[in-house]
Amino acid sequence: MPYTVQGVVARGKGQDVSLEAVTVPDPGPGEAVVNVQACGVCHTDLHYREGGINDEFPFLLGHEAAGVVEAVGAGVTGLEPGDYVILNWRAVCGQCRACLRGRPWYCFATHNATRKMTLADGTALSPALGIGAFAEKTLVAAGQCTKVDPAAAPAVAGLLGCGVMAGLGAAINTGGVTRGDSVAVIGCGGVGSAAVLGASLAGAARIIAVDVDDRKLEWAKGFGATHTVNSRESDAVEAIRELTGGFGADVVIEAVGRPETYKQAFYARDLAGTVVLVGVPTPEMTLELPLLDVFGRGGALKSSWYGDCLPGRDFPMLIDLYLQGRLNLDGFVTETIGLGDVEAAFAKMHRGEVLRSVVVL
């Protein structure tokens, strides 16, 4: 029997979100219905509301979530009602050319649910990143459910579903940060602070946090930054070079997603160093660099999509580290809110007042 729940819907570009009745169908083959317990307010949800992802309105927002499986559809194995899960938006297929080459974090055919959640009048909803978790229940592909230790509170565990995993993975998986490295992180919101935390976890010797907001730089220090640079007051490239013996950092992580900050990252790395783009640009942005500089500086220019993570590998491991007191996930939760507070949370996020507002149901 379908479920009727409350969900946060974006009906049109730039319009305030609204709390509306949403119909969640029974799970079809390979699908699961999840009782959402917590969902972080991620900048990607605001991108959806602003039409920065696509124009497939109305959207059911929310994707950074944890909860308990309510029901599973035919053919689902390894997942059953009562399982505590983090939702992920890259359910790897196991069959595409990336998966068959042993690189499933690049999967080109990730799964989503095929049945549609709808408004009360039958209008089909587009769930954000195939999840739509600003709702009391949501329908996902079973592969989007990653089981983890239920000792981790949902408000914390759900953050691994997107932003925190993106930042941690940008440092550890994509950037390959290892012990003794120098690392600079440009942009220290939720994703950037998670990259700082990832670099610290990997054993980086010097972690330079760069932002225009002293409040965010203080947050970054709490996650392991050894040095901070306010780029309103100092040239970021020169400051990073000065803090690295004049050479530049081994790994520079750009967590803003703008051409000007990417250029800073490009020129702030050491020769043969690595730049990792994890900030999400908007469709109209372009980048121009002297091709000779790209050639002459060597190294690697990478983008990090979801932190190049494998949810089934990374989520349980990171939750275990958290429960051991070795991974400060609590520090990302600035406030807990209700479903009706998402629009206000967007405004706080836009003003840089929070790392994460988390909807708790």
Protein backbone atom coordinates (compact mmCIF):
# COMPACT_ATOMS: atom_id res chain seq x y z
CA MET A 1 0.00 0.00 0.00
CA PRO A 2 1.47 3.43 -0.91
CA TYR A 3 2.52 5.76 1.86
CA THR A 4 1.49 9.41 2.21
CA VAL A 5 4.18 11.51 3.88
CA GLN A 6 5.32 15.10 4.23
CA GLY A 7 8.18 16.21 1.99
CA VAL A 8 10.06 19.36 0.98
CA VAL A 9 9.35 20.25 -2.64
CA ALA A 10 10.88 22.81 -5.01
CA ARG A 11 8.17 23.62 -7.56
CA GLY A 12 10.01 26.15 -9.69
CA LYS A 13 13.33 27.87 -10.26
CA GLY A 14 14.20 30.21 -7.42
CA GLN A 15 10.89 29.67 -5.60
CA ASP A 16 10.83 29.06 -1.86
CA VAL A 17 10.43 25.39 -1.07
CA SER A 18 7.14 24.13 0.32
CA LEU A 19 6.15 21.30 2.65
CA GLU A 20 3.68 19.10 0.79
CA ALA A 21 1.98 15.72 0.85
CA VAL A 22 4.03 13.18 -1.09
CA THR A 23 2.91 9.72 -2.17
CA VAL A 24 5.62 7.06 -1.87
CA PRO A 25 4.78 3.83 -3.73
CA ASP A 26 5.53 0.34 -2.54
CA PRO A 27 9.03 -0.71 -3.62
CA GLY A 28 9.33 -2.41 -6.98
CA PRO A 29 11.91 -5.03 -7.91
CA GLY A 30 15.33 -3.99 -6.66
CA GLU A 31 13.95 -1.08 -4.64
CA ALA A 32 13.52 -0.15 -0.98
CA VAL A 33 11.41 2.27 1.07
CA VAL A 34 13.39 3.91 3.87
CA ASN A 35 12.11 5.69 6.96
CA VAL A 36 14.28 8.81 6.94
CA GLN A 37 15.59 9.73 10.38
CA ALA A 38 17.90 12.62 9.48
CA CYS A 39 18.99 14.50 6.36
CA GLY A 40 21.62 17.21 6.02
CA VAL A 41 20.93 20.44 4.14
CA CYS A 42 23.52 20.34 1.35
CA HIS A 43 24.40 23.09 -1.12
CA THR A 44 23.44 20.72 -3.94
CA ASP A 45 19.82 20.92 -2.80
CA LEU A 46 20.00 24.69 -3.19
CA HIS A 47 21.50 24.16 -6.66
CA TYR A 48 18.44 22.07 -7.52
CA ARG A 49 16.08 24.76 -6.26
CA GLU A 50 17.91 27.39 -8.29
CA GLY A 51 17.78 25.31 -11.47
CA GLY A 52 21.55 24.83 -11.44
CA ILE A 53 21.35 21.04 -11.95
CA ASN A 54 18.51 20.68 -14.46
CA ASP A 55 14.98 21.95 -15.01
CA GLU A 56 13.05 18.76 -14.15
CA PHE A 57 10.80 20.47 -11.60
CA PRO A 58 9.18 19.74 -9.23
CA PHE A 59 12.00 18.32 -7.16
CA LEU A 60 11.75 16.37 -3.93
CA LEU A 61 14.84 17.72 -2.22
CA GLY A 62 17.24 16.11 0.25
CA HIS A 63 19.85 13.42 -0.27
CA GLU A 64 22.35 13.41 2.62
CA ALA A 65 20.46 10.99 4.83
CA ALA A 66 20.33 8.05 7.19
CA GLY A 67 17.37 5.95 8.26
CA VAL A 68 15.85 2.52 8.68
CA VAL A 69 14.59 0.26 5.89
CA GLU A 70 10.79 -0.03 5.93
CA ALA A 71 10.24 -2.44 3.05
CA VAL A 72 12.11 -4.03 0.13
CA GLY A 73 10.93 -5.12 -3.30
CA ALA A 74 11.29 -8.39 -5.14
CA GLY A 75 14.75 -9.67 -5.81
CA VAL A 76 16.48 -7.61 -3.12
CA THR A 77 19.17 -9.52 -1.24
CA GLY A 78 21.41 -8.44 1.62
CA LEU A 79 18.94 -5.81 2.78
CA GLU A 80 15.82 -6.23 4.89
CA PRO A 81 13.35 -4.20 6.95
CA GLY A 82 14.94 -2.87 10.13
CA ASP A 83 18.42 -2.38 8.66
CA TYR A 84 20.03 0.94 9.57
CA VAL A 85 21.44 2.55 6.45
CA ILE A 86 23.11 5.61 4.99
CA LEU A 87 21.68 6.55 1.62
CA ASN A 88 24.13 6.99 -1.22
CA TRP A 89 23.60 8.44 -4.69
CA ARG A 90 26.07 6.21 -6.52
CA ALA A 91 24.71 2.67 -6.40
CA VAL A 92 27.25 0.99 -8.66
CA CYS A 93 25.97 -1.36 -11.34
CA GLY A 94 28.84 -3.85 -11.43
CA GLN A 95 28.44 -4.27 -15.20
CA CYS A 96 29.51 -1.07 -16.97
CA ARG A 97 32.96 -0.60 -18.50
CA ALA A 98 34.26 1.23 -15.41
CA CYS A 99 33.06 -1.48 -13.02
CA LEU A 100 34.41 -4.27 -15.23
CA ARG A 101 37.81 -2.55 -15.31
CA GLY A 102 37.93 -2.57 -11.52
CA ARG A 103 37.12 1.14 -11.11
CA PRO A 104 33.58 1.05 -9.74
CA TRP A 105 33.88 4.51 -8.17
CA TYR A 106 33.59 5.79 -11.76
CA CYS A 107 30.47 3.68 -12.46
CA PHE A 108 28.72 5.03 -15.55
CA ALA A 109 25.34 3.35 -14.91
CA THR A 110 24.46 3.90 -11.27
CA HIS A 111 21.03 2.75 -10.13
CA ASN A 112 18.01 4.76 -9.01
CA ALA A 113 14.47 3.67 -8.25
CA THR A 114 12.28 3.42 -11.34
CA ARG A 115 8.90 3.88 -9.63
CA LYS A 116 7.96 7.51 -9.10
CA MET A 117 7.09 9.39 -5.95
CA THR A 118 4.35 11.91 -6.67
CA LEU A 119 2.46 14.89 -5.35
CA ALA A 120 -1.11 14.32 -4.19
CA ASP A 121 -2.44 15.22 -7.66
CA GLY A 122 -0.25 12.58 -9.31
CA THR A 123 2.49 14.91 -10.55
CA ALA A 124 5.74 12.93 -10.69
CA LEU A 125 8.58 14.24 -8.54
CA SER A 126 12.26 14.31 -9.44
CA PRO A 127 14.15 13.18 -6.32
CA ALA A 128 17.39 15.09 -5.72
CA LEU A 129 20.31 12.87 -6.72
CA GLY A 130 17.86 10.00 -7.01
CA ILE A 131 17.06 10.08 -3.30
CA GLY A 132 14.62 12.80 -2.17
CA ALA A 133 15.15 12.49 1.57
CA PHE A 134 13.59 15.68 2.92
CA ALA A 135 10.61 13.46 3.58
CA GLU A 136 9.40 11.08 6.25
CA LYS A 137 9.93 8.15 3.84
CA THR A 138 11.61 7.85 0.48
CA LEU A 139 11.92 5.31 -2.31
CA VAL A 140 15.40 4.37 -3.56
CA ALA A 141 17.21 1.60 -5.38
CA ALA A 142 18.26 -1.04 -2.87
CA GLY A 143 21.88 -0.46 -3.86
CA GLN A 144 21.58 3.09 -2.56
CA CYS A 145 21.27 1.71 0.98
CA THR A 146 24.57 1.10 2.78
CA LYS A 147 24.31 -0.69 6.12
CA VAL A 148 26.34 0.77 8.99
CA ASP A 149 26.59 0.39 12.76
CA PRO A 150 23.35 1.76 14.31
CA ALA A 151 25.33 3.12 17.26
CA ALA A 152 26.06 6.22 15.16
CA ALA A 153 23.28 8.81 15.48
CA PRO A 154 21.40 9.50 12.22
CA ALA A 155 22.19 13.23 12.30
CA VAL A 156 25.88 12.36 12.12
CA ALA A 157 25.81 9.22 9.98
CA GLY A 158 23.77 10.81 7.21
CA LEU A 159 26.46 13.42 6.55
CA LEU A 160 28.58 10.73 4.94
CA GLY A 161 25.87 10.44 2.30
CA CYS A 162 27.22 13.47 0.44
CA GLY A 163 29.21 16.49 1.63
CA VAL A 164 31.45 15.00 4.28
CA MET A 165 32.23 11.97 2.12
CA ALA A 166 32.96 14.27 -0.81
CA GLY A 167 35.55 16.19 1.19
CA LEU A 168 37.12 13.22 2.95
CA GLY A 169 37.33 11.35 -0.33
CA ALA A 170 38.78 14.31 -2.22
CA ALA A 171 41.75 14.18 0.13
CA ILE A 172 42.14 10.45 0.68
CA ASN A 173 40.78 8.79 -2.46
CA THR A 174 41.27 11.35 -5.24
CA GLY A 175 44.17 13.40 -3.93
CA GLY A 176 46.01 10.42 -2.48
CA VAL A 177 47.17 12.46 0.51
CA THR A 178 49.61 10.50 2.60
CA ARG A 179 51.82 10.99 5.65
CA GLY A 180 54.16 13.94 5.47
CA ASP A 181 52.35 15.69 2.60
CA SER A 182 51.60 19.40 2.49
CA VAL A 183 47.96 20.10 1.64
CA ALA A 184 46.04 23.30 0.95
CA VAL A 185 42.25 23.44 0.96
CA ILE A 186 40.60 26.43 -0.72
CA GLY A 187 37.08 26.98 0.60
CA CYS A 188 36.31 25.75 4.10
CA GLY A 189 32.59 25.17 4.21
CA GLY A 190 31.29 21.67 4.89
CA VAL A 191 33.09 19.95 2.01
CA GLY A 192 36.33 21.86 2.45
CA SER A 193 36.39 21.26 6.20
CA ALA A 194 35.86 17.57 5.50
CA ALA A 195 38.84 17.68 3.13
CA VAL A 196 40.89 19.19 5.96
CA LEU A 197 39.73 16.36 8.21
CA GLY A 198 40.60 13.80 5.54
CA ALA A 199 44.09 15.23 5.10
CA SER A 200 44.60 15.11 8.86
CA LEU A 201 43.38 11.51 9.00
CA ALA A 202 45.82 10.58 6.22
CA GLY A 203 48.77 12.02 8.14
CA ALA A 204 49.48 15.24 6.24
CA ALA A 205 52.22 17.24 7.95
CA ARG A 206 50.99 20.68 6.92
CA ILE A 207 47.35 21.53 6.21
CA ILE A 208 46.64 25.07 5.02
CA ALA A 209 43.03 26.21 5.12
CA VAL A 210 42.09 29.13 2.84
CA ASP A 211 38.83 31.10 2.96
CA VAL A 212 37.51 34.64 3.00
CA ASP A 213 35.63 34.08 6.27
CA ASP A 214 37.50 33.89 9.58
CA ARG A 215 34.62 31.93 11.08
CA LYS A 216 35.16 29.13 8.56
CA LEU A 217 38.89 29.21 9.14
CA GLU A 218 38.26 28.62 12.83
CA TRP A 219 36.08 25.64 11.94
CA ALA A 220 38.89 24.29 9.76
CA LYS A 221 41.36 24.52 12.64
CA GLY A 222 39.00 22.34 14.65
CA PHE A 223 39.27 19.65 11.95
CA GLY A 224 43.06 19.68 11.80
CA ALA A 225 44.25 22.71 9.81
CA THR A 226 47.75 23.67 10.93
CA HIS A 227 47.70 27.07 9.20
CA THR A 228 45.00 29.42 7.95
CA VAL A 229 44.93 32.10 5.25
CA ASN A 230 42.23 34.73 4.85
CA SER A 231 42.40 35.37 1.11
CA ARG A 232 40.63 38.72 1.47
CA GLU A 233 43.67 39.90 3.38
CA SER A 234 46.51 37.96 1.73
CA ASP A 235 47.25 36.57 -1.72
CA ALA A 236 46.33 32.90 -1.35
CA VAL A 237 48.93 31.59 -3.80
CA GLU A 238 51.80 33.53 -2.27
CA ALA A 239 50.70 32.60 1.26
CA ILE A 240 50.57 28.89 0.43
CA ARG A 241 53.98 29.04 -1.21
CA GLU A 242 55.44 30.89 1.76
CA LEU A 243 54.11 28.19 4.10
CA THR A 244 55.64 25.43 1.96
CA GLY A 245 59.20 26.61 1.58
CA GLY A 246 58.42 28.61 -1.54
CA PHE A 247 57.38 25.54 -3.52
CA GLY A 248 53.61 25.16 -3.16
CA ALA A 249 51.58 22.35 -1.65
CA ASP A 250 51.79 18.71 -2.71
CA VAL A 251 48.00 18.55 -2.97
CA VAL A 252 45.64 21.51 -3.37
CA ILE A 253 41.92 20.84 -2.98
CA GLU A 254 39.54 23.39 -4.49
CA ALA A 255 36.22 23.17 -2.64
CA VAL A 256 34.50 26.28 -4.02
CA GLY A 257 33.88 25.46 -7.67
CA ARG A 258 34.77 28.80 -9.27
CA PRO A 259 37.30 29.62 -12.01
CA GLU A 260 39.19 32.15 -9.92
CA THR A 261 39.69 29.79 -6.98
CA TYR A 262 40.63 26.95 -9.33
CA LYS A 263 43.38 29.14 -10.77
CA GLN A 264 44.60 29.79 -7.23
CA ALA A 265 44.71 26.04 -6.65
CA PHE A 266 46.54 25.47 -9.94
CA TYR A 267 49.32 27.95 -9.15
CA ALA A 268 49.51 27.11 -5.44
CA ARG A 269 50.62 23.52 -6.01
CA ASP A 270 54.20 22.34 -6.16
CA LEU A 271 55.69 21.19 -9.46
CA ALA A 272 54.30 17.70 -10.16
CA GLY A 273 51.71 18.32 -7.46
CA THR A 274 48.02 17.49 -7.63
CA VAL A 275 44.97 19.74 -7.92
CA VAL A 276 41.63 18.24 -6.92
CA LEU A 277 38.40 19.99 -7.89
CA VAL A 278 35.59 18.96 -5.54
CA GLY A 279 33.66 22.26 -5.52
CA VAL A 280 30.70 22.10 -7.91
CA PRO A 281 30.72 24.72 -10.68
CA THR A 282 27.59 25.98 -12.41
CA PRO A 283 26.98 25.23 -16.12
CA GLU A 284 27.96 28.65 -17.48
CA MET A 285 31.42 28.75 -15.87
CA THR A 286 34.52 28.44 -18.07
CA LEU A 287 38.22 28.22 -17.31
CA GLU A 288 41.18 29.57 -19.26
CA LEU A 289 44.77 28.60 -18.46
CA PRO A 290 47.98 28.94 -20.49
CA LEU A 291 48.48 25.51 -22.03
CA LEU A 292 52.23 25.83 -21.53
CA ASP A 293 51.65 26.13 -17.77
CA VAL A 294 49.50 23.00 -17.79
CA PHE A 295 52.29 21.18 -19.61
CA GLY A 296 55.23 22.68 -17.78
CA ARG A 297 54.02 22.27 -14.21
CA GLY A 298 53.36 18.54 -14.63
CA GLY A 299 51.48 16.65 -11.96
CA ALA A 300 47.79 15.93 -12.10
CA LEU A 301 44.57 17.90 -12.45
CA LYS A 302 41.68 15.83 -11.10
CA SER A 303 38.02 16.21 -10.35
CA SER A 304 36.49 14.36 -7.42
CA TRP A 305 32.91 13.20 -7.78
CA TYR A 306 31.48 12.02 -4.48
CA GLY A 307 35.03 11.74 -3.19
CA ASP A 308 35.65 8.81 -5.57
CA CYS A 309 34.10 6.70 -2.84
CA LEU A 310 32.72 3.19 -2.73
CA PRO A 311 29.88 3.47 -0.22
CA GLY A 312 29.96 -0.19 0.75
CA ARG A 313 33.67 0.08 1.51
CA ASP A 314 33.97 3.60 2.87
CA PHE A 315 30.81 4.29 4.90
CA PRO A 316 31.16 1.41 7.39
CA MET A 317 34.88 2.09 7.82
CA LEU A 318 34.35 5.79 8.50
CA ILE A 319 31.49 5.11 10.91
CA ASP A 320 33.78 2.71 12.78
CA LEU A 321 36.45 5.41 13.02
CA TYR A 322 33.83 7.84 14.29
CA LEU A 323 32.64 5.43 16.98
CA GLN A 324 36.27 4.93 18.04
CA GLY A 325 36.60 8.69 18.56
CA ARG A 326 39.06 9.06 15.68
CA LEU A 327 36.86 10.99 13.22
CA ASN A 328 35.17 14.21 14.30
CA LEU A 329 31.84 14.02 12.51
CA ASP A 330 29.95 15.73 15.34
CA GLY A 331 31.77 18.95 14.54
CA PHE A 332 29.90 19.30 11.25
CA VAL A 333 26.43 19.46 12.84
CA THR A 334 25.79 23.15 13.51
CA GLU A 335 22.08 22.77 14.23
CA THR A 336 19.20 20.31 14.02
CA ILE A 337 15.93 21.48 12.48
CA GLY A 338 12.54 20.26 11.29
CA LEU A 339 11.24 19.69 7.77
CA GLY A 340 9.56 23.09 7.80
CA ASP A 341 12.85 24.88 8.42
CA VAL A 342 14.70 23.96 5.21
CA GLU A 343 14.16 27.31 3.47
CA ALA A 344 15.58 29.16 6.48
CA ALA A 345 18.50 26.72 6.51
CA PHE A 346 19.25 27.58 2.87
CA ALA A 347 19.49 31.23 3.86
CA LYS A 348 21.89 30.44 6.73
CA MET A 349 24.00 28.30 4.43
CA HIS A 350 24.12 31.06 1.82
CA ARG A 351 25.33 33.50 4.51
CA GLY A 352 28.00 31.05 5.66
CA GLU A 353 26.57 30.75 9.17
CA VAL A 354 26.50 26.95 9.34
CA LEU A 355 28.55 23.94 8.34
CA ARG A 356 25.47 21.74 8.30
CA SER A 357 21.88 22.18 9.31
CA VAL A 358 20.43 18.70 9.74
CA VAL A 359 16.73 17.88 9.45
CA VAL A 360 15.79 15.39 12.15
CA LEU A 361 12.53 13.50 11.76
